[in-house]
């Protein structure tokens, strides 16, 4: 079985041709499999400075360019079960121009080069039969509510609210606490990231074990992996984080969840998931 691979196929055509025919000539994949790749959003066409995702089985290409196929057999298996994924999608609140949807762990918020359908944004678009726009992202490993809009106008409205910190996101995390570490009870971390100001409010809620504790977190800025990096820089890495920190590995995955989203449009809206992480002991 062919492993995960990116196929790069240059073309210089004398007449318009079907993209799937070119792909079939230059890859070992069958047309049946290639149709699935197209439907999943794994095929791209680059011509000059333009890059376009090809979705239809009868997509025509012409002149010069480059076909890109992001082939991942594990994603294709998931794609074959997209009806189950659609059935299990949960909308936490639905309005005419926006909705709040529940993102499960290990599922991306937005499209990747490998697929547009296999993302929360893609599945919501498919289920709603209209384009959905994610107003913010959660890391692939993180569960939580995600605000989606169904018009670009409403997307801009929410983007302005995020930029002015009018929208609040609260997280919970289980962190590794080194022996003898003096844990701060609450405050704000302001470690700069990418040479930019970055702020995270925190409250230490208590211990689970002598070396694990629960933190409540609020993002005040939105840098890449901000919470994970701030906690690691504070000497309190999140349990299960594969990228940041030491002595924080586990088998349960990243112990970080977004459990509350608060905004006004125009009235107050609070979307809250049940808390999962609670301190159990004092040490």
Foldseek 3Di string as FASTA:
>chain_A
DDAWDKDKAKDADPDKDFPLVSVVVPDVDDSVVVLLQLCQQFKWKDDDNDIGTHRHRRDIDHGTTMMIGGDHVVVSVVSVVLVVVLVPKDWLADDDFKTKTKDAAQFWQADDSRGGCRHVQNSVCVNVVAGKDWLDTDPNGAIDITMIGRDVVVSVVVVVCVVVVQKKWKKKFKWFADPPHDDDQWDWQFDDDPNHTWIKTKGWQAAQDNTITMIMIIGPDDDDCRVQARCLVVVIHTAQDPPGHPPRYDDPHGGMYTAWMWHPPPHTDIHGHDDDDHHDDHD
